[in-house]
Amino acid sequence: MPEDAISRFLNNITLPQLANLKSYWKVFMAALLHRSYDLKKITTRQYQYLWMQMGKAGYRTKEPPEFDIPKEIPSLLKDLIETYRQKYV
């Protein structure tokens, strides 16, 4: 997550904002929390508080399913094999 691209989203972040940003950036909420702390967008106290809130909500082991990132279905290899079969078999 490049600093210049994500920095504006991370000022005084809250747990609901982390959940919303998860789907945009396609990373774990914990990664967003770490990044906001690394970029000094939140204080140590805020970081610890949000980390505890994630723990209480159970998000440290399983993040909210409504914000899960849909799994990609690989298609390139299948398309490549199909093209090969049509052309050479």
Protein backbone atom coordinates (compact mmCIF):
# COMPACT_ATOMS: atom_id res chain seq x y z
CA MET A 1 0.00 0.00 0.00
CA PRO A 2 1.94 3.02 -1.23
CA GLU A 3 2.05 5.88 1.24
CA ASP A 4 0.93 8.54 -1.23
CA ALA A 5 -2.11 6.49 -2.25
CA ILE A 6 -3.33 5.30 1.14
CA SER A 7 -2.24 8.06 3.50
CA ARG A 8 -5.37 10.21 3.16
CA PHE A 9 -7.62 7.27 4.14
CA LEU A 10 -5.85 6.52 7.41
CA ASN A 11 -6.14 9.68 9.51
CA ASN A 12 -7.74 8.87 12.89
CA ILE A 13 -9.05 5.57 11.55
CA THR A 14 -11.88 3.69 13.24
CA LEU A 15 -12.83 0.02 13.21
CA PRO A 16 -15.76 0.54 10.78
CA GLN A 17 -13.46 2.52 8.47
CA LEU A 18 -10.92 -0.31 8.54
CA ALA A 19 -13.68 -2.74 7.54
CA ASN A 20 -14.71 -0.53 4.60
CA LEU A 21 -11.13 0.01 3.46
CA LYS A 22 -10.53 -3.75 3.52
CA SER A 23 -12.71 -4.27 0.46
CA TYR A 24 -11.16 -1.30 -1.36
CA TRP A 25 -7.52 -2.25 -0.77
CA LYS A 26 -8.14 -6.03 -0.67
CA VAL A 27 -5.99 -6.57 2.41
CA PHE A 28 -6.67 -7.62 5.99
CA MET A 29 -7.94 -5.04 8.46
CA ALA A 30 -4.89 -5.76 10.61
CA ALA A 31 -2.61 -4.82 7.69
CA LEU A 32 -4.43 -1.51 7.32
CA LEU A 33 -4.12 -0.88 11.04
CA HIS A 34 -0.38 -1.63 10.97
CA ARG A 35 0.07 0.61 7.94
CA SER A 36 -1.74 3.52 9.58
CA TYR A 37 0.54 3.15 12.60
CA ASP A 38 3.68 2.82 10.46
CA LEU A 39 2.76 6.03 8.64
CA LYS A 40 2.16 7.77 11.99
CA LYS A 41 -1.47 8.43 11.16
CA ILE A 42 -2.53 7.15 14.58
CA THR A 43 -0.87 7.26 17.99
CA THR A 44 0.44 4.25 19.88
CA ARG A 45 -2.56 4.55 22.19
CA GLN A 46 -5.01 4.52 19.24
CA TYR A 47 -3.18 1.58 17.70
CA GLN A 48 -3.40 -0.43 20.91
CA TYR A 49 -7.05 0.50 21.42
CA LEU A 50 -8.04 -0.53 17.89
CA TRP A 51 -6.04 -3.74 18.20
CA MET A 52 -7.92 -4.56 21.42
CA GLN A 53 -11.25 -3.72 19.75
CA MET A 54 -10.41 -6.07 16.89
CA GLY A 55 -9.66 -8.77 19.46
CA LYS A 56 -12.92 -8.22 21.35
CA ALA A 57 -14.88 -8.36 18.10
CA GLY A 58 -13.06 -11.55 17.10
CA TYR A 59 -11.55 -9.88 14.02
CA ARG A 60 -7.99 -10.89 14.89
CA THR A 61 -8.80 -14.51 14.07
CA LYS A 62 -11.73 -14.11 11.66
CA GLU A 63 -12.61 -10.81 10.05
CA PRO A 64 -16.28 -9.95 9.36
CA PRO A 65 -17.61 -12.13 6.55
CA GLU A 66 -19.60 -9.28 5.00
CA PHE A 67 -16.28 -7.66 4.12
CA ASP A 68 -14.60 -10.79 2.76
CA ILE A 69 -12.81 -10.34 -0.51
CA PRO A 70 -14.31 -12.58 -3.18
CA LYS A 71 -11.94 -15.29 -4.33
CA GLU A 72 -10.72 -14.97 -7.86
CA ILE A 73 -11.39 -17.87 -10.17
CA PRO A 74 -8.32 -18.48 -12.32
CA SER A 75 -9.13 -18.63 -15.99
CA LEU A 76 -5.93 -17.91 -17.90
CA LEU A 77 -4.54 -21.46 -17.80
CA LYS A 78 -7.92 -22.92 -18.75
CA ASP A 79 -8.20 -20.49 -21.68
CA LEU A 80 -4.65 -21.26 -22.77
CA ILE A 81 -5.28 -25.02 -22.79
CA GLU A 82 -8.57 -24.57 -24.67
CA THR A 83 -6.90 -22.39 -27.30
CA TYR A 84 -4.10 -24.94 -27.69
CA ARG A 85 -6.59 -27.78 -28.13
CA GLN A 86 -8.57 -25.89 -30.73
CA LYS A 87 -5.49 -24.92 -32.66
CA TYR A 88 -3.29 -28.02 -32.46
CA VAL A 89 -5.37 -31.02 -31.48
